[in-house]
C-alpha atoms as a PDB file:
ATOM      1  CA  MET A   1       0.000   0.000   0.000  1.00  0.00           C
ATOM      2  CA  ARG A   2       1.358   3.373  -0.912  1.00  0.00           C
ATOM      3  CA  LYS A   3       1.876   6.041   1.701  1.00  0.00           C
ATOM      4  CA  LYS A   4      -0.693   8.325   0.051  1.00  0.00           C
ATOM      5  CA  ASP A   5      -3.382   5.594   0.153  1.00  0.00           C
ATOM      6  CA  PHE A   6      -2.601   4.897   3.807  1.00  0.00           C
ATOM      7  CA  GLN A   7      -2.921   8.600   4.673  1.00  0.00           C
ATOM      8  CA  LEU A   8      -6.284   8.774   2.896  1.00  0.00           C
ATOM      9  CA  ILE A   9      -7.568   5.747   4.833  1.00  0.00           C
ATOM     10  CA  ILE A  10      -6.438   7.307   8.130  1.00  0.00           C
ATOM     11  CA  LEU A  11      -8.161  10.561   7.198  1.00  0.00           C
ATOM     12  CA  VAL A  12     -11.445   8.782   6.367  1.00  0.00           C
ATOM     13  CA  VAL A  13     -11.330   6.740   9.595  1.00  0.00           C
ATOM     14  CA  CYS A  14     -10.708   9.884  11.654  1.00  0.00           C
ATOM     15  CA  ALA A  15     -13.564  11.709   9.926  1.00  0.00           C
ATOM     16  CA  VAL A  16     -15.952   8.837  10.683  1.00  0.00           C
ATOM     17  CA  LEU A  17     -14.838   8.613  14.308  1.00  0.00           C
ATOM     18  CA  LEU A  18     -15.146  12.360  14.845  1.00  0.00           C
ATOM     19  CA  SER A  19     -18.574  12.742  13.254  1.00  0.00           C
ATOM     20  CA  GLY A  20     -20.995  13.712  15.981  1.00  0.00           C
ATOM     21  CA  CYS A  21     -18.098  14.412  18.298  1.00  0.00           C
ATOM     22  CA  SER A  22     -18.775  18.143  18.511  1.00  0.00           C
ATOM     23  CA  SER A  23     -22.244  17.616  20.010  1.00  0.00           C
ATOM     24  CA  ARG A  24     -20.866  15.098  22.530  1.00  0.00           C
ATOM     25  CA  LEU A  25     -18.056  17.520  23.378  1.00  0.00           C
ATOM     26  CA  PHE A  26     -20.606  20.313  23.829  1.00  0.00           C
ATOM     27  CA  MET A  27     -22.674  18.254  26.283  1.00  0.00           C
ATOM     28  CA  TYR A  28     -19.544  17.091  28.115  1.00  0.00           C
ATOM     29  CA  LYS A  29     -18.497  20.705  28.637  1.00  0.00           C
ATOM     30  CA  VAL A  30     -22.011  21.753  29.733  1.00  0.00           C
ATOM     31  CA  ASN A  31     -22.282  18.887  32.220  1.00  0.00           C
ATOM     32  CA  ASN A  32     -18.760  19.456  33.506  1.00  0.00           C
ATOM     33  CA  GLY A  33     -19.483  23.159  33.990  1.00  0.00           C
ATOM     34  CA  ARG A  34     -22.754  22.382  35.750  1.00  0.00           C
ATOM     35  CA  SER A  35     -20.928  19.992  38.092  1.00  0.00           C
ATOM     36  CA  ASN A  36     -18.297  22.627  38.876  1.00  0.00           C
ATOM     37  CA  ILE A  37     -20.936  25.264  39.628  1.00  0.00           C
ATOM     38  CA  GLU A  38     -22.954  22.885  41.802  1.00  0.00           C
ATOM     39  CA  SER A  39     -19.773  21.944  43.677  1.00  0.00           C
ATOM     40  CA  ALA A  40     -19.030  25.634  44.327  1.00  0.00           C
ATOM     41  CA  TYR A  41     -22.526  26.289  45.721  1.00  0.00           C
ATOM     42  CA  SER A  42     -22.399  23.087  47.798  1.00  0.00           C
ATOM     43  CA  SER A  43     -19.365  24.507  49.594  1.00  0.00           C
ATOM     44  CA  LEU A  44     -21.480  27.347  51.028  1.00  0.00           C
ATOM     45  CA  ASP A  45     -23.108  27.064  54.448  1.00  0.00           C
ATOM     46  CA  GLU A  46     -26.830  26.383  54.602  1.00  0.00           C
ATOM     47  CA  ALA A  47     -29.020  29.410  55.372  1.00  0.00           C
ATOM     48  CA  SER A  48     -32.144  27.939  56.959  1.00  0.00           C
ATOM     49  CA  ASP A  49     -33.462  31.409  57.863  1.00  0.00           C
ATOM     50  CA  ILE A  50     -34.045  32.314  54.206  1.00  0.00           C
ATOM     51  CA  ASP A  51     -37.650  31.962  53.065  1.00  0.00           C
ATOM     52  CA  THR A  52     -38.229  34.695  50.460  1.00  0.00           C
ATOM     53  CA  THR A  53     -40.623  34.853  47.516  1.00  0.00           C
ATOM     54  CA  ILE A  54     -40.193  37.237  44.606  1.00  0.00           C
ATOM     55  CA  THR A  55     -42.934  37.309  41.982  1.00  0.00           C
ATOM     56  CA  LEU A  56     -41.792  38.142  38.476  1.00  0.00           C
ATOM     57  CA  GLN A  57     -44.281  39.573  36.014  1.00  0.00           C
ATOM     58  CA  ASN A  58     -44.005  41.325  32.675  1.00  0.00           C
ATOM     59  CA  ILE A  59     -40.673  39.825  31.710  1.00  0.00           C
ATOM     60  CA  LYS A  60     -39.978  39.366  28.036  1.00  0.00           C
ATOM     61  CA  ILE A  61     -37.093  37.150  26.910  1.00  0.00           C
ATOM     62  CA  ARG A  62     -35.687  37.864  23.447  1.00  0.00           C
ATOM     63  CA  ILE A  63     -33.601  35.088  21.902  1.00  0.00           C
ATOM     64  CA  ILE A  64     -31.477  36.226  18.977  1.00  0.00           C
ATOM     65  CA  GLY A  65     -29.483  33.742  16.908  1.00  0.00           C
ATOM     66  CA  ASP A  66     -27.419  36.106  14.782  1.00  0.00           C
ATOM     67  CA  ARG A  67     -24.465  37.389  16.839  1.00  0.00           C
ATOM     68  CA  ASP A  68     -23.802  40.327  14.480  1.00  0.00           C
ATOM     69  CA  LYS A  69     -27.470  41.361  14.667  1.00  0.00           C
ATOM     70  CA  PHE A  70     -27.355  40.955  18.470  1.00  0.00           C
ATOM     71  CA  LEU A  71     -24.275  43.173  18.691  1.00  0.00           C
ATOM     72  CA  SER A  72     -25.317  45.795  16.149  1.00  0.00           C
ATOM     73  CA  ARG A  73     -28.889  46.130  17.395  1.00  0.00           C
ATOM     74  CA  TYR A  74     -27.853  46.669  20.974  1.00  0.00           C
ATOM     75  CA  ALA A  75     -24.305  48.073  20.472  1.00  0.00           C
ATOM     76  CA  LEU A  76     -22.728  45.668  22.908  1.00  0.00           C
ATOM     77  CA  ASP A  77     -19.202  44.531  23.562  1.00  0.00           C
ATOM     78  CA  LYS A  78     -18.307  41.257  21.799  1.00  0.00           C
ATOM     79  CA  SER A  79     -17.864  39.433  25.122  1.00  0.00           C
ATOM     80  CA  VAL A  80     -21.527  40.010  26.080  1.00  0.00           C
ATOM     81  CA  ARG A  81     -23.755  36.943  25.696  1.00  0.00           C
ATOM     82  CA  GLY A  82     -26.879  38.433  27.249  1.00  0.00           C
ATOM     83  CA  TYR A  83     -28.208  41.426  29.138  1.00  0.00           C
ATOM     84  CA  VAL A  84     -31.318  42.730  30.820  1.00  0.00           C
ATOM     85  CA  LYS A  85     -33.147  46.026  30.470  1.00  0.00           C
ATOM     86  CA  ILE A  86     -35.276  46.824  33.521  1.00  0.00           C
ATOM     87  CA  ASN A  87     -37.892  49.484  32.822  1.00  0.00           C
ATOM     88  CA  ASN A  88     -39.384  52.086  35.191  1.00  0.00           C
ATOM     89  CA  ASP A  89     -42.753  50.285  35.138  1.00  0.00           C
ATOM     90  CA  ASP A  90     -41.124  47.160  36.665  1.00  0.00           C
ATOM     91  CA  SER A  91     -41.226  45.277  33.391  1.00  0.00           C
ATOM     92  CA  ALA A  92     -38.014  43.825  32.000  1.00  0.00           C
ATOM     93  CA  GLU A  93     -36.572  42.457  28.790  1.00  0.00           C
ATOM     94  CA  ILE A  94     -33.809  39.865  28.767  1.00  0.00           C
ATOM     95  CA  TYR A  95     -31.751  39.458  25.607  1.00  0.00           C
ATOM     96  CA  VAL A  96     -29.771  36.252  25.057  1.00  0.00           C
ATOM     97  CA  LEU A  97     -28.030  34.579  22.166  1.00  0.00           C
ATOM     98  CA  GLY A  98     -29.740  31.505  20.778  1.00  0.00           C
ATOM     99  CA  TYR A  99     -28.273  28.509  18.993  1.00  0.00           C
ATOM    100  CA  ARG A 100     -29.913  25.681  17.053  1.00  0.00           C
ATOM    101  CA  GLN A 101     -29.274  21.959  17.405  1.00  0.00           C
ATOM    102  CA  LYS A 102     -31.418  19.392  15.604  1.00  0.00           C
ATOM    103  CA  GLY A 103     -34.197  21.936  15.114  1.00  0.00           C
ATOM    104  CA  LYS A 104     -34.386  22.999  18.769  1.00  0.00           C
ATOM    105  CA  ILE A 105     -33.348  26.399  20.103  1.00  0.00           C
ATOM    106  CA  ILE A 106     -30.677  26.233  22.791  1.00  0.00           C
ATOM    107  CA  ILE A 107     -29.825  29.089  25.128  1.00  0.00           C
ATOM    108  CA  ASN A 108     -27.013  29.392  27.602  1.00  0.00           C
ATOM    109  CA  GLN A 109     -28.635  28.590  30.950  1.00  0.00           C
ATOM    110  CA  ILE A 110     -25.934  30.391  32.904  1.00  0.00           C
ATOM    111  CA  VAL A 111     -26.419  33.603  30.914  1.00  0.00           C
ATOM    112  CA  LEU A 112     -30.207  33.475  31.307  1.00  0.00           C
ATOM    113  CA  GLY A 113     -29.875  32.783  35.034  1.00  0.00           C
ATOM    114  CA  HIS A 114     -27.403  35.643  35.408  1.00  0.00           C
ATOM    115  CA  GLU A 115     -29.823  38.092  33.778  1.00  0.00           C
ATOM    116  CA  ILE A 116     -32.741  36.866  35.922  1.00  0.00           C
ATOM    117  CA  HIS A 117     -30.446  37.330  38.922  1.00  0.00           C
ATOM    118  CA  HIS A 118     -30.210  41.055  38.006  1.00  0.00           C
ATOM    119  CA  ILE A 119     -34.012  41.320  38.087  1.00  0.00           C
ATOM    120  CA  LEU A 120     -34.158  39.592  41.477  1.00  0.00           C
ATOM    121  CA  ASN A 121     -31.529  42.006  42.814  1.00  0.00           C
ATOM    122  CA  GLN A 122     -33.527  44.966  41.478  1.00  0.00           C
ATOM    123  CA  LYS A 123     -36.697  43.734  43.204  1.00  0.00           C
ATOM    124  CA  ASN A 124     -34.995  42.811  46.477  1.00  0.00           C
ATOM    125  CA  ASN A 125     -31.613  44.301  47.351  1.00  0.00           C
ATOM    126  CA  ARG A 126     -30.982  41.472  49.829  1.00  0.00           C
ATOM    127  CA  ILE A 127     -30.312  39.397  46.694  1.00  0.00           C
ATOM    128  CA  ALA A 128     -26.667  39.874  45.717  1.00  0.00           C
ATOM    129  CA  ASP A 129     -25.830  41.726  42.509  1.00  0.00           C
ATOM    130  CA  PRO A 130     -24.483  39.007  40.184  1.00  0.00           C
ATOM    131  CA  ASP A 131     -21.857  41.388  38.780  1.00  0.00           C
ATOM    132  CA  THR A 132     -20.311  42.116  42.170  1.00  0.00           C
ATOM    133  CA  MET A 133     -20.725  38.823  44.071  1.00  0.00           C
ATOM    134  CA  ASP A 134     -16.956  38.293  44.097  1.00  0.00           C
ATOM    135  CA  VAL A 135     -16.560  41.035  46.738  1.00  0.00           C
ATOM    136  CA  LEU A 136     -18.676  38.952  49.117  1.00  0.00           C
ATOM    137  CA  PHE A 137     -15.944  36.309  49.168  1.00  0.00           C
ATOM    138  CA  LYS A 138     -12.922  38.549  49.812  1.00  0.00           C
END
């Protein structure tokens, strides 16, 4: 067998083995990240005295799949994956990037949760501001 034929066979085998790998890698990273976050929160002490309810109404969530459109429409920094606009009438709009996999829309759960966290902080200042939580641990 010639070297060129052997290289072609190796290339085809690798392509077959790697097909579908990106979606498995995506889920591995999501699950690994979720485990890391859960581990971090599990290290905190229990707070049995907390029993708070916050009712959210009039919240619109906009999911935008085109990153350029997302950035140009809202003039955001490229690192931004989502943001919230809280209006004077207590309504809010959350903007997040959306992705598509096998016909279903996927959103980054951490980004959505972060933006909801801003609304909770606005409604009840006992809820930590998600952008400044690091100072609570210094």
